[in-house]
N, C-alpha and C. Protein backbone atom coordinates (compact mmCIF):
# COMPACT_ATOMS: atom_id res chain seq x y z
N MET A 1 102.26 91.53 66.83
CA MET A 1 103.25 92.23 67.62
C MET A 1 103.99 91.21 68.48
N ARG A 2 105.27 91.32 68.48
CA ARG A 2 106.11 90.45 69.30
C ARG A 2 106.69 91.24 70.46
N THR A 3 106.74 90.61 71.56
CA THR A 3 107.43 91.22 72.71
C THR A 3 108.49 90.26 73.20
N PHE A 4 109.54 90.80 73.64
CA PHE A 4 110.64 89.98 74.16
C PHE A 4 110.89 90.38 75.60
N SER A 5 111.09 89.39 76.38
CA SER A 5 111.40 89.64 77.78
C SER A 5 112.87 89.29 78.01
N HIS A 6 113.60 90.22 78.53
CA HIS A 6 115.02 89.99 78.83
C HIS A 6 115.25 90.25 80.30
N LEU A 7 116.10 89.47 80.84
CA LEU A 7 116.48 89.66 82.23
C LEU A 7 117.77 90.48 82.25
N TYR A 8 117.69 91.67 82.77
CA TYR A 8 118.86 92.53 82.89
C TYR A 8 119.24 92.63 84.36
N LEU A 9 120.45 92.29 84.63
CA LEU A 9 120.95 92.44 85.99
C LEU A 9 121.72 93.74 86.06
N ARG A 10 121.46 94.49 87.09
CA ARG A 10 122.12 95.78 87.26
C ARG A 10 122.91 95.74 88.56
N TYR A 11 124.15 96.12 88.47
CA TYR A 11 125.00 96.16 89.65
C TYR A 11 125.57 97.56 89.82
N SER A 12 125.69 97.97 91.06
CA SER A 12 126.38 99.20 91.41
C SER A 12 127.57 98.81 92.27
N VAL A 13 128.73 99.33 91.94
CA VAL A 13 129.95 98.99 92.66
C VAL A 13 130.49 100.25 93.32
N LEU A 14 130.75 100.15 94.61
CA LEU A 14 131.36 101.24 95.36
C LEU A 14 132.75 100.78 95.81
N PRO A 15 133.80 101.29 95.18
CA PRO A 15 135.16 100.93 95.61
C PRO A 15 135.82 102.06 96.39
N ALA A 16 136.68 101.70 97.30
CA ALA A 16 137.58 102.65 97.96
C ALA A 16 138.99 102.19 97.61
N ILE A 17 139.74 103.05 96.96
CA ILE A 17 141.04 102.67 96.43
C ILE A 17 142.14 103.45 97.15
N SER A 18 143.17 102.74 97.54
CA SER A 18 144.33 103.37 98.16
C SER A 18 145.55 103.16 97.26
N LEU A 19 146.69 103.66 97.68
CA LEU A 19 147.92 103.45 96.92
C LEU A 19 148.29 101.97 96.85
N SER A 20 147.80 101.18 97.81
CA SER A 20 148.11 99.75 97.86
C SER A 20 147.12 98.89 97.08
N GLY A 21 146.04 99.49 96.60
CA GLY A 21 145.01 98.72 95.88
C GLY A 21 143.63 99.01 96.44
N VAL A 22 142.73 98.06 96.27
CA VAL A 22 141.35 98.23 96.75
C VAL A 22 141.34 98.06 98.26
N LEU A 23 140.88 99.08 98.95
CA LEU A 23 140.82 99.06 100.41
C LEU A 23 139.51 98.47 100.90
N TYR A 24 138.42 98.79 100.19
CA TYR A 24 137.10 98.31 100.59
C TYR A 24 136.20 98.35 99.37
N LEU A 25 135.23 97.44 99.31
CA LEU A 25 134.37 97.33 98.13
C LEU A 25 133.01 96.81 98.54
N ASP A 26 131.96 97.42 98.00
CA ASP A 26 130.59 96.92 98.16
C ASP A 26 129.97 96.82 96.78
N VAL A 27 129.17 95.79 96.56
CA VAL A 27 128.44 95.60 95.30
C VAL A 27 126.97 95.48 95.64
N TYR A 28 126.14 96.25 94.93
CA TYR A 28 124.70 96.25 95.14
C TYR A 28 124.01 95.83 93.85
N GLU A 29 122.87 95.15 93.97
CA GLU A 29 122.08 94.75 92.81
C GLU A 29 120.99 95.77 92.51
N HIS A 30 121.24 97.00 92.86
CA HIS A 30 120.29 98.10 92.62
C HIS A 30 121.08 99.41 92.62
N SER A 31 120.39 100.48 92.27
CA SER A 31 121.03 101.79 92.35
C SER A 31 121.32 102.11 93.80
N VAL A 32 122.44 102.73 94.04
CA VAL A 32 122.87 103.02 95.41
C VAL A 32 122.07 104.18 95.98
N THR A 33 121.56 103.98 97.18
CA THR A 33 120.83 105.03 97.90
C THR A 33 121.77 105.72 98.88
N GLY A 34 121.28 106.80 99.47
CA GLY A 34 122.06 107.49 100.49
C GLY A 34 122.36 106.58 101.67
N ALA A 35 121.39 105.76 102.06
CA ALA A 35 121.61 104.82 103.17
C ALA A 35 122.67 103.79 102.81
N ASP A 36 122.64 103.29 101.56
CA ASP A 36 123.67 102.35 101.11
C ASP A 36 125.05 102.99 101.19
N PHE A 37 125.15 104.23 100.73
CA PHE A 37 126.45 104.91 100.73
C PHE A 37 126.94 105.13 102.16
N ASN A 38 126.05 105.51 103.06
CA ASN A 38 126.45 105.69 104.46
C ASN A 38 126.94 104.37 105.06
N ASN A 39 126.26 103.25 104.73
CA ASN A 39 126.70 101.94 105.21
C ASN A 39 128.07 101.58 104.63
N PHE A 40 128.28 101.92 103.37
CA PHE A 40 129.57 101.70 102.73
C PHE A 40 130.67 102.46 103.47
N ILE A 41 130.40 103.72 103.78
CA ILE A 41 131.39 104.55 104.49
C ILE A 41 131.68 103.97 105.87
N GLU A 42 130.65 103.50 106.57
CA GLU A 42 130.88 102.89 107.89
C GLU A 42 131.81 101.68 107.78
N GLY A 43 131.59 100.84 106.76
CA GLY A 43 132.47 99.69 106.55
C GLY A 43 133.88 100.12 106.17
N LEU A 44 133.97 101.15 105.34
CA LEU A 44 135.28 101.67 104.93
C LEU A 44 136.06 102.20 106.12
N LEU A 45 135.39 102.93 107.00
CA LEU A 45 136.08 103.53 108.14
C LEU A 45 136.72 102.47 109.03
N ASP A 46 136.14 101.26 109.07
CA ASP A 46 136.74 100.18 109.85
C ASP A 46 138.09 99.74 109.27
N LYS A 47 138.33 100.04 108.00
CA LYS A 47 139.58 99.66 107.32
C LYS A 47 140.60 100.80 107.32
N MET A 48 140.21 101.97 107.81
CA MET A 48 141.07 103.15 107.75
C MET A 48 141.79 103.38 109.07
N ASN A 49 142.78 104.26 109.01
CA ASN A 49 143.57 104.63 110.18
C ASN A 49 143.39 106.10 110.48
N PRO A 50 143.65 106.50 111.74
CA PRO A 50 143.62 107.93 112.05
C PRO A 50 144.69 108.69 111.26
N TYR A 51 144.39 109.93 110.93
CA TYR A 51 145.32 110.80 110.23
C TYR A 51 146.51 111.09 111.12
N PRO A 52 147.71 111.06 110.66
CA PRO A 52 148.21 111.03 109.29
C PRO A 52 148.71 109.65 108.85
N GLY A 53 148.18 108.58 109.41
CA GLY A 53 148.64 107.24 109.05
C GLY A 53 148.25 106.84 107.64
N PRO A 54 148.71 105.66 107.21
CA PRO A 54 148.32 105.18 105.88
C PRO A 54 146.81 104.94 105.83
N ASN A 55 146.23 105.14 104.67
CA ASN A 55 144.78 104.96 104.48
C ASN A 55 143.99 105.81 105.47
N SER A 56 144.31 107.09 105.52
CA SER A 56 143.69 107.95 106.54
C SER A 56 142.95 109.16 105.98
N ILE A 57 142.81 109.28 104.67
CA ILE A 57 142.13 110.43 104.08
C ILE A 57 141.05 109.95 103.13
N VAL A 58 139.86 110.56 103.23
CA VAL A 58 138.76 110.26 102.31
C VAL A 58 138.65 111.43 101.33
N ILE A 59 138.70 111.13 100.04
CA ILE A 59 138.52 112.13 99.00
C ILE A 59 137.31 111.72 98.17
N MET A 60 136.32 112.62 98.10
CA MET A 60 135.10 112.34 97.34
C MET A 60 134.88 113.46 96.33
N ASP A 61 134.19 113.14 95.25
CA ASP A 61 133.84 114.18 94.28
C ASP A 61 132.56 114.87 94.73
N ASN A 62 131.98 115.65 93.87
CA ASN A 62 130.84 116.48 94.23
C ASN A 62 129.49 115.81 93.95
N ALA A 63 129.46 114.49 93.87
CA ALA A 63 128.20 113.78 93.61
C ALA A 63 127.20 114.04 94.73
N SER A 64 125.94 114.11 94.38
CA SER A 64 124.91 114.43 95.37
C SER A 64 124.85 113.40 96.49
N ILE A 65 125.15 112.15 96.20
CA ILE A 65 125.10 111.11 97.23
C ILE A 65 126.17 111.33 98.31
N HIS A 66 127.19 112.11 98.00
CA HIS A 66 128.27 112.40 98.95
C HIS A 66 127.93 113.57 99.87
N LYS A 67 126.75 114.14 99.73
CA LYS A 67 126.39 115.35 100.49
C LYS A 67 125.40 115.09 101.61
N SER A 68 125.28 113.88 102.06
CA SER A 68 124.40 113.55 103.17
C SER A 68 124.85 114.33 104.41
N PRO A 69 123.92 114.96 105.14
CA PRO A 69 124.32 115.80 106.28
C PRO A 69 125.05 115.03 107.38
N GLU A 70 124.77 113.74 107.54
CA GLU A 70 125.43 112.98 108.60
C GLU A 70 126.77 112.38 108.16
N LEU A 71 127.08 112.46 106.88
CA LEU A 71 128.27 111.80 106.35
C LEU A 71 129.58 112.42 106.86
N ARG A 72 129.73 113.70 106.72
CA ARG A 72 130.99 114.36 107.13
C ARG A 72 131.27 114.17 108.62
N PRO A 73 130.29 114.41 109.51
CA PRO A 73 130.58 114.17 110.94
C PRO A 73 130.93 112.70 111.24
N MET A 74 130.30 111.76 110.51
CA MET A 74 130.60 110.35 110.70
C MET A 74 132.07 110.07 110.37
N ILE A 75 132.55 110.64 109.26
CA ILE A 75 133.93 110.41 108.84
C ILE A 75 134.90 111.14 109.76
N GLU A 76 134.66 112.41 110.01
CA GLU A 76 135.57 113.19 110.84
C GLU A 76 135.57 112.71 112.28
N GLY A 77 134.48 112.07 112.73
CA GLY A 77 134.42 111.50 114.07
C GLY A 77 135.40 110.36 114.26
N ARG A 78 135.88 109.81 113.16
CA ARG A 78 136.87 108.72 113.21
C ARG A 78 138.28 109.25 112.95
N TYR A 79 138.48 110.55 113.08
CA TYR A 79 139.79 111.18 112.90
C TYR A 79 140.32 111.03 111.48
N VAL A 80 139.40 111.05 110.51
CA VAL A 80 139.77 110.95 109.10
C VAL A 80 139.35 112.24 108.42
N PRO A 81 140.27 113.04 107.86
CA PRO A 81 139.89 114.27 107.18
C PRO A 81 139.07 113.99 105.92
N VAL A 82 138.19 114.92 105.58
CA VAL A 82 137.36 114.81 104.38
C VAL A 82 137.78 115.88 103.40
N GLU A 83 138.01 115.50 102.16
CA GLU A 83 138.28 116.45 101.07
C GLU A 83 137.21 116.26 100.02
N LEU A 84 136.48 117.32 99.70
CA LEU A 84 135.45 117.24 98.66
C LEU A 84 135.93 117.87 97.38
């Protein structure tokens, strides 16, 4: 019996895209956790503006990682509307 060992690198990429291009980006060498996503959002919010300025709206899909109970108040606390 032969066994082969392969090194697989796994990356997870979290991009925030605006009309002007990539606004913010994080790359992880593992699957993204809720804590990782919250840290990503905190970094993203530093690049955003209060509504209704440019880069002022967060739109997320219905992924489970987007449903953290502290996420929406964190975003709305920075005067950025959330659309799910």
